[in-house]
Amino acid sequence: MDVSVALDLGRLDERASNVLGRLLEILKARRYAFITPTPETHARVLARPERHRAGDVHDVLGWNLPFGPELLDSELLTLLREAGVLVEATDGLRCTVRVASLGDELYLHSGFPPQVESVFFGPDTYRFARFLCDKLDADRSIAVLVDLGTGAGAGAVVAAQRVSPAQVILTDVNPRSLAVARINLACAGVRADFRCGHVLEPVTEPADLIIANPPFIAGDNGRIYSDGGDLDGARASLDWATAGSAQLTSGGRMLLYTGVGIIAGVDPLLNALRERLDAGRFELSYEEIDPDIFGESLDLEAYRDVDRIAAVGAVITRRTS
């Protein structure tokens, strides 16, 4: 059996979703923790001779290693079977999903290796969360919070727990993401509306706070969770920023975390944002968060002229009238 074929998380029925929610609750009670690395790091760790078989629950749900049924206690094994996330392979059982930790919360996401429509969770998620925590003021009144391209929903959880908005709206073009985010937010105790569609298309409400972590890898074969389009991967980030800023309330903010290819010291996204945003209507704050991420992507033809990929954060504020 091809164990790289991920479970269709977009078609989880209510029972399977409830079972996976129960799994997260049990893991949280047991203080399960696992920091999900990049796919490149994940692959290198699994290539080690001693890492071909699971030795504990972290190997099963974090590293997606094969295991024998005797490894897990009956409670966990039963839940995984009932949820339909175990597959039989020649080297044992494998789980088709993973569970990551961020702060006090746990997040279900797609198995390894990532597929075209995977629900991604990794180092960018952790950087995104730190960026949100740095920029969000718990005393600021927020009526409507919108998380664009929510993925596994981590950004929405972090922001909602920080600012306690009256309404939380999550959007994603990938139904798998919304199915998984629904489970993750329920486990974190965050109520939200889940709307399938591209960026802000399914949202009509003006927003006090918009958060976004767009895809930003150039030439990544159309993978929903990572392909950022042209402009050296920054096209999606620019388009999302443009759409988001137009829907902000007076004094509202958009917090955009993304990556951008730097060429000869020039940041094309920063220049494009300065040109696109009317300085009379919007204030732009921009910072480089990490100077060098996903270096392996520089091997792609789309990055032949790029010196490095930087993680950046933009705060766009709509000026009050």
Protein backbone atom coordinates (compact mmCIF):
# COMPACT_ATOMS: atom_id res chain seq x y z
CA MET A 1 0.00 0.00 0.00
CA ASP A 2 1.19 3.53 -0.81
CA VAL A 3 1.28 5.03 2.67
CA SER A 4 2.17 8.46 1.27
CA VAL A 5 -1.45 8.88 0.16
CA ALA A 6 -2.96 11.09 2.84
CA LEU A 7 -6.39 10.62 4.35
CA ASP A 8 -8.99 12.85 2.69
CA LEU A 9 -9.40 15.13 5.68
CA GLY A 10 -11.90 17.22 3.76
CA ARG A 11 -14.42 14.40 3.96
CA LEU A 12 -14.24 13.57 7.63
CA ASP A 13 -17.70 12.73 8.86
CA GLU A 14 -19.00 14.03 12.18
CA ARG A 15 -18.16 10.83 14.02
CA ALA A 16 -14.54 10.75 12.83
CA SER A 17 -14.14 14.44 13.68
CA ASN A 18 -15.47 13.83 17.19
CA VAL A 19 -13.09 10.91 17.64
CA LEU A 20 -10.10 12.98 16.54
CA GLY A 21 -11.20 15.75 18.89
CA ARG A 22 -11.27 13.23 21.71
CA LEU A 23 -7.79 12.09 20.70
CA LEU A 24 -6.46 15.64 21.06
CA GLU A 25 -8.12 16.01 24.46
CA ILE A 26 -6.52 12.80 25.73
CA LEU A 27 -3.11 13.75 24.36
CA LYS A 28 -3.38 17.17 25.96
CA ALA A 29 -4.27 15.59 29.32
CA ARG A 30 -1.21 13.36 28.97
CA ARG A 31 0.96 16.44 28.21
CA TYR A 32 1.91 15.22 24.75
CA ALA A 33 4.23 17.66 22.98
CA PHE A 34 5.89 17.56 19.57
CA ILE A 35 7.48 20.40 17.61
CA THR A 36 6.95 19.77 13.89
CA PRO A 37 10.06 20.52 11.78
CA THR A 38 10.33 21.36 8.08
CA PRO A 39 9.76 18.51 5.60
CA GLU A 40 13.47 18.64 4.78
CA THR A 41 14.44 18.12 8.41
CA HIS A 42 11.76 15.46 8.84
CA ALA A 43 13.10 13.50 5.86
CA ARG A 44 16.68 13.69 7.10
CA VAL A 45 15.75 12.43 10.55
CA LEU A 46 13.78 9.51 9.10
CA ALA A 47 16.74 8.62 6.86
CA ARG A 48 18.78 7.64 9.93
CA PRO A 49 19.06 3.84 10.27
CA GLU A 50 17.80 3.88 13.86
CA ARG A 51 14.67 5.88 12.96
CA HIS A 52 12.85 3.28 10.87
CA ARG A 53 10.47 2.07 13.58
CA ALA A 54 8.42 3.94 16.18
CA GLY A 55 9.46 3.66 19.80
CA ASP A 56 6.77 5.83 21.40
CA VAL A 57 3.67 7.90 20.71
CA HIS A 58 5.76 10.85 19.47
CA ASP A 59 7.24 8.64 16.76
CA VAL A 60 3.72 7.59 15.76
CA LEU A 61 1.94 10.96 15.80
CA GLY A 62 4.89 13.28 15.28
CA TRP A 63 7.32 11.47 12.98
CA ASN A 64 4.74 9.20 11.32
CA LEU A 65 6.95 6.13 11.76
CA PRO A 66 5.53 2.61 11.34
CA PHE A 67 4.65 0.76 14.52
CA GLY A 68 3.20 -2.44 15.89
CA PRO A 69 -0.22 -2.32 17.60
CA GLU A 70 1.37 -3.30 20.90
CA LEU A 71 3.24 0.02 21.07
CA LEU A 72 0.17 2.11 21.92
CA ASP A 73 -2.24 1.57 24.79
CA SER A 74 -5.70 0.35 23.91
CA GLU A 75 -7.33 3.77 24.37
CA LEU A 76 -5.16 5.53 21.79
CA LEU A 77 -5.14 2.61 19.37
CA THR A 78 -8.93 2.35 19.46
CA LEU A 79 -9.37 6.06 18.80
CA LEU A 80 -6.99 5.99 15.83
CA ARG A 81 -8.79 3.00 14.36
CA GLU A 82 -12.24 4.53 14.91
CA ALA A 83 -11.14 7.76 13.25
CA GLY A 84 -9.93 5.84 10.21
CA VAL A 85 -6.42 7.33 10.30
CA LEU A 86 -4.43 4.08 10.39
CA VAL A 87 -3.23 2.21 7.32
CA GLU A 88 -1.68 -1.24 7.07
CA ALA A 89 1.75 -1.28 5.42
CA THR A 90 4.41 -3.94 4.93
CA ASP A 91 6.43 -2.49 7.82
CA GLY A 92 3.51 -2.12 10.24
CA LEU A 93 0.75 0.34 10.97
CA ARG A 94 1.10 4.00 9.99
CA CYS A 95 -0.91 7.03 11.00
CA THR A 96 -2.05 9.28 8.16
CA VAL A 97 -2.20 12.40 10.34
CA ARG A 98 0.17 14.12 12.75
CA VAL A 99 -0.27 16.07 15.96
CA ALA A 100 1.88 19.12 16.75
CA SER A 101 2.09 21.28 19.86
CA LEU A 102 2.25 25.06 20.07
CA GLY A 103 2.14 26.59 23.53
CA ASP A 104 -0.53 24.82 25.55
CA GLU A 105 -2.52 23.65 22.52
CA LEU A 106 -2.34 20.67 20.18
CA TYR A 107 -2.99 20.74 16.44
CA LEU A 108 -3.99 17.97 14.08
CA HIS A 109 -2.41 18.29 10.62
CA SER A 110 -1.54 16.21 7.57
CA GLY A 111 0.79 13.24 7.58
CA PHE A 112 4.30 13.07 6.16
CA PRO A 113 5.29 13.55 3.39
CA PRO A 114 3.14 16.59 2.48
CA GLN A 115 0.84 16.23 -0.51
CA VAL A 116 -0.60 18.80 -2.94
CA GLU A 117 -3.52 19.68 -0.65
CA SER A 118 -1.91 18.98 2.71
CA VAL A 119 -2.95 20.82 5.86
CA PHE A 120 0.47 22.20 6.68
CA PHE A 121 1.97 22.88 10.10
CA GLY A 122 5.65 23.63 10.67
CA PRO A 123 8.28 26.21 11.60
CA ASP A 124 6.41 28.98 9.78
CA THR A 125 3.45 28.29 12.06
CA TYR A 126 5.60 28.88 15.11
CA ARG A 127 7.09 32.08 13.68
CA PHE A 128 3.61 33.27 12.70
CA ALA A 129 2.36 32.65 16.25
CA ARG A 130 5.24 34.61 17.78
CA PHE A 131 4.63 37.47 15.35
CA LEU A 132 0.95 37.60 16.36
CA CYS A 133 1.76 37.56 20.06
CA ASP A 134 4.28 40.38 19.61
CA LYS A 135 1.82 42.59 17.74
CA LEU A 136 -1.51 41.91 19.43
CA ASP A 137 -2.69 44.01 22.35
CA ALA A 138 -5.00 42.15 24.74
CA ASP A 139 -6.65 45.45 25.71
CA ARG A 140 -7.66 46.29 22.14
CA SER A 141 -11.38 45.79 21.42
CA ILE A 142 -11.95 43.43 18.48
CA ALA A 143 -15.42 42.71 17.11
CA VAL A 144 -14.49 40.67 14.01
CA LEU A 145 -11.30 38.65 13.59
CA VAL A 146 -10.65 37.02 10.20
CA ASP A 147 -7.96 34.40 9.60
CA LEU A 148 -7.22 34.12 5.86
CA GLY A 149 -6.03 30.77 4.55
CA THR A 150 -6.24 29.36 8.04
CA GLY A 151 -4.58 26.00 7.42
CA ALA A 152 -4.66 24.06 10.68
CA GLY A 153 -6.10 27.10 12.49
CA ALA A 154 -3.18 27.86 14.78
CA GLY A 155 -3.12 31.57 13.98
CA ALA A 156 -6.81 31.91 14.76
CA VAL A 157 -6.36 30.18 18.11
CA VAL A 158 -3.38 32.32 19.11
CA ALA A 159 -5.08 35.57 18.07
CA ALA A 160 -8.49 34.70 19.57
CA GLN A 161 -6.99 33.72 22.90
CA ARG A 162 -5.02 36.97 22.92
CA VAL A 163 -7.75 39.50 22.01
CA SER A 164 -11.08 37.69 22.74
CA PRO A 165 -12.97 38.86 19.62
CA ALA A 166 -16.75 38.79 19.44
CA GLN A 167 -16.64 36.87 16.14
CA VAL A 168 -13.95 34.69 14.58
CA ILE A 169 -14.07 33.84 10.86
CA LEU A 170 -11.73 31.34 9.23
CA THR A 171 -11.35 31.03 5.47
CA ASP A 172 -9.47 28.55 3.31
CA VAL A 173 -9.72 27.34 -0.27
CA ASN A 174 -8.86 23.82 0.93
CA PRO A 175 -11.83 22.01 2.58
CA ARG A 176 -9.36 19.70 4.31
CA SER A 177 -7.97 22.68 6.18
CA LEU A 178 -11.38 23.79 7.41
CA ALA A 179 -12.23 20.25 8.55
CA VAL A 180 -9.00 20.02 10.53
CA ALA A 181 -9.19 23.60 11.85
CA ARG A 182 -12.70 22.91 13.15
CA ILE A 183 -11.32 20.05 15.28
CA ASN A 184 -8.32 22.07 16.47
CA LEU A 185 -10.33 25.14 17.44
CA ALA A 186 -12.88 23.04 19.32
CA CYS A 187 -10.07 21.45 21.33
CA ALA A 188 -8.68 24.92 22.10
CA GLY A 189 -12.12 26.19 23.15
CA VAL A 190 -12.39 28.77 20.36
CA ARG A 191 -15.74 29.22 18.57
CA ALA A 192 -15.61 30.28 14.93
CA ASP A 193 -17.32 30.41 11.55
CA PHE A 194 -15.63 28.26 8.90
CA ARG A 195 -16.00 29.45 5.30
CA CYS A 196 -14.59 27.76 2.21
CA GLY A 197 -13.33 30.11 -0.48
CA HIS A 198 -10.38 32.06 -1.80
CA VAL A 199 -8.95 34.63 0.60
CA LEU A 200 -11.80 37.08 1.47
CA GLU A 201 -14.36 35.92 -1.10
CA PRO A 202 -16.58 34.23 1.53
CA VAL A 203 -16.39 37.19 3.95
CA THR A 204 -18.70 40.18 3.71
CA GLU A 205 -18.17 41.59 7.21
CA PRO A 206 -15.76 44.51 7.74
CA ALA A 207 -12.92 43.27 9.95
CA ASP A 208 -11.21 44.89 12.92
CA LEU A 209 -8.34 42.40 12.70
CA ILE A 210 -7.19 40.26 9.79
CA ILE A 211 -4.35 37.77 10.17
CA ALA A 212 -2.69 35.88 7.35
CA ASN A 213 0.21 33.56 6.60
CA PRO A 214 0.01 33.22 2.79
CA PRO A 215 1.91 30.64 0.73
CA PHE A 216 5.18 32.14 -0.49
CA ILE A 217 7.38 29.54 -2.20
CA ALA A 218 7.84 30.37 -5.89
CA GLY A 219 7.45 27.66 -8.50
CA ASP A 220 6.25 25.02 -6.05
CA ASN A 221 4.10 23.07 -8.50
CA GLY A 222 0.78 24.51 -7.41
CA ARG A 223 0.85 23.13 -3.87
CA ILE A 224 -1.98 24.91 -2.06
CA TYR A 225 -0.07 25.27 1.20
CA SER A 226 3.14 26.72 -0.27
CA ASP A 227 2.90 28.09 -3.85
CA GLY A 228 3.14 31.87 -3.67
CA GLY A 229 3.04 32.57 -7.41
CA ASP A 230 5.26 35.02 -9.28
CA LEU A 231 7.09 38.07 -7.88
CA ASP A 232 9.60 35.54 -6.50
CA GLY A 233 6.82 33.91 -4.49
CA ALA A 234 5.41 37.16 -3.10
CA ARG A 235 2.39 37.53 -5.42
CA ALA A 236 -0.06 35.79 -3.08
CA SER A 237 1.17 37.88 -0.14
CA LEU A 238 0.70 41.11 -2.10
CA ASP A 239 -2.75 40.13 -3.32
CA TRP A 240 -3.88 39.03 0.16
CA ALA A 241 -2.58 42.28 1.68
CA THR A 242 -4.43 44.31 -0.94
CA ALA A 243 -7.71 42.46 -0.39
CA GLY A 244 -7.37 42.48 3.39
CA SER A 245 -6.55 46.18 3.73
CA ALA A 246 -9.65 47.08 1.70
CA GLN A 247 -11.89 45.27 4.19
CA LEU A 248 -10.50 46.76 7.39
CA THR A 249 -12.62 48.95 9.62
CA SER A 250 -11.38 52.42 10.56
CA GLY A 251 -8.41 51.79 12.85
CA GLY A 252 -8.43 48.10 11.93
CA ARG A 253 -5.22 46.17 11.35
CA MET A 254 -3.97 43.38 9.13
CA LEU A 255 -1.09 41.26 10.43
CA LEU A 256 0.68 39.53 7.55
CA TYR A 257 3.46 37.00 8.11
CA THR A 258 5.15 35.64 5.01
CA GLY A 259 8.41 34.89 3.22
CA VAL A 260 10.06 36.83 0.42
CA GLY A 261 13.02 36.28 -1.90
CA ILE A 262 15.70 38.93 -1.42
CA ILE A 263 17.63 39.88 -4.56
CA ALA A 264 20.78 42.00 -4.22
CA GLY A 265 19.45 43.40 -0.95
CA VAL A 266 16.07 44.37 -2.43
CA ASP A 267 12.78 43.16 -0.91
CA PRO A 268 10.23 43.11 -3.77
CA LEU A 269 7.25 42.67 -1.45
CA LEU A 270 8.08 45.73 0.62
CA ASN A 271 8.45 47.85 -2.50
CA ALA A 272 5.19 46.50 -3.94
CA LEU A 273 3.28 47.16 -0.71
CA ARG A 274 4.54 50.73 -0.61
CA GLU A 275 3.32 51.24 -4.16
CA ARG A 276 0.00 49.44 -3.70
CA LEU A 277 -1.12 50.94 -0.36
CA ASP A 278 -2.35 54.52 -0.28
CA ALA A 279 -0.21 56.20 2.39
CA GLY A 280 -3.04 58.62 3.09
CA ARG A 281 -5.35 55.75 4.07
CA PHE A 282 -2.98 53.12 5.44
CA GLU A 283 0.03 52.98 7.72
CA LEU A 284 2.57 50.24 6.96
CA SER A 285 4.98 48.79 9.50
CA TYR A 286 7.35 46.16 8.11
CA GLU A 287 10.12 44.05 9.63
CA GLU A 288 12.43 41.19 8.75
CA ILE A 289 11.83 38.43 11.30
CA ASP A 290 14.30 35.80 10.13
CA PRO A 291 16.92 36.55 7.45
CA ASP A 292 17.29 33.03 6.05
CA ILE A 293 14.58 30.35 5.86
CA PHE A 294 13.91 27.37 3.56
CA GLY A 295 17.37 27.60 2.01
CA GLU A 296 16.77 24.36 0.10
CA SER A 297 14.24 26.22 -2.06
CA LEU A 298 17.09 28.19 -3.64
CA ASP A 299 17.75 25.07 -5.73
CA LEU A 300 14.48 25.73 -7.56
CA GLU A 301 14.77 27.36 -10.99
CA ALA A 302 12.42 30.13 -9.82
CA TYR A 303 15.08 31.23 -7.29
CA ARG A 304 18.15 31.23 -9.51
CA ASP A 305 18.64 35.00 -8.94
CA VAL A 306 17.54 35.06 -5.28
CA ASP A 307 20.19 35.42 -2.57
CA ARG A 308 18.04 34.31 0.38
CA ILE A 309 14.45 33.88 1.50
CA ALA A 310 13.55 36.02 4.50
CA ALA A 311 10.62 35.70 6.88
CA VAL A 312 8.91 39.07 7.17
CA GLY A 313 6.01 40.59 9.06
CA ALA A 314 3.81 43.47 7.90
CA VAL A 315 1.28 45.39 9.95
CA ILE A 316 -1.18 47.37 7.85
CA THR A 317 -3.36 49.81 9.77
CA ARG A 318 -6.29 51.66 8.26
CA ARG A 319 -6.05 55.25 9.40
CA THR A 320 -9.00 56.64 11.32
CA SER A 321 -11.14 59.16 9.49
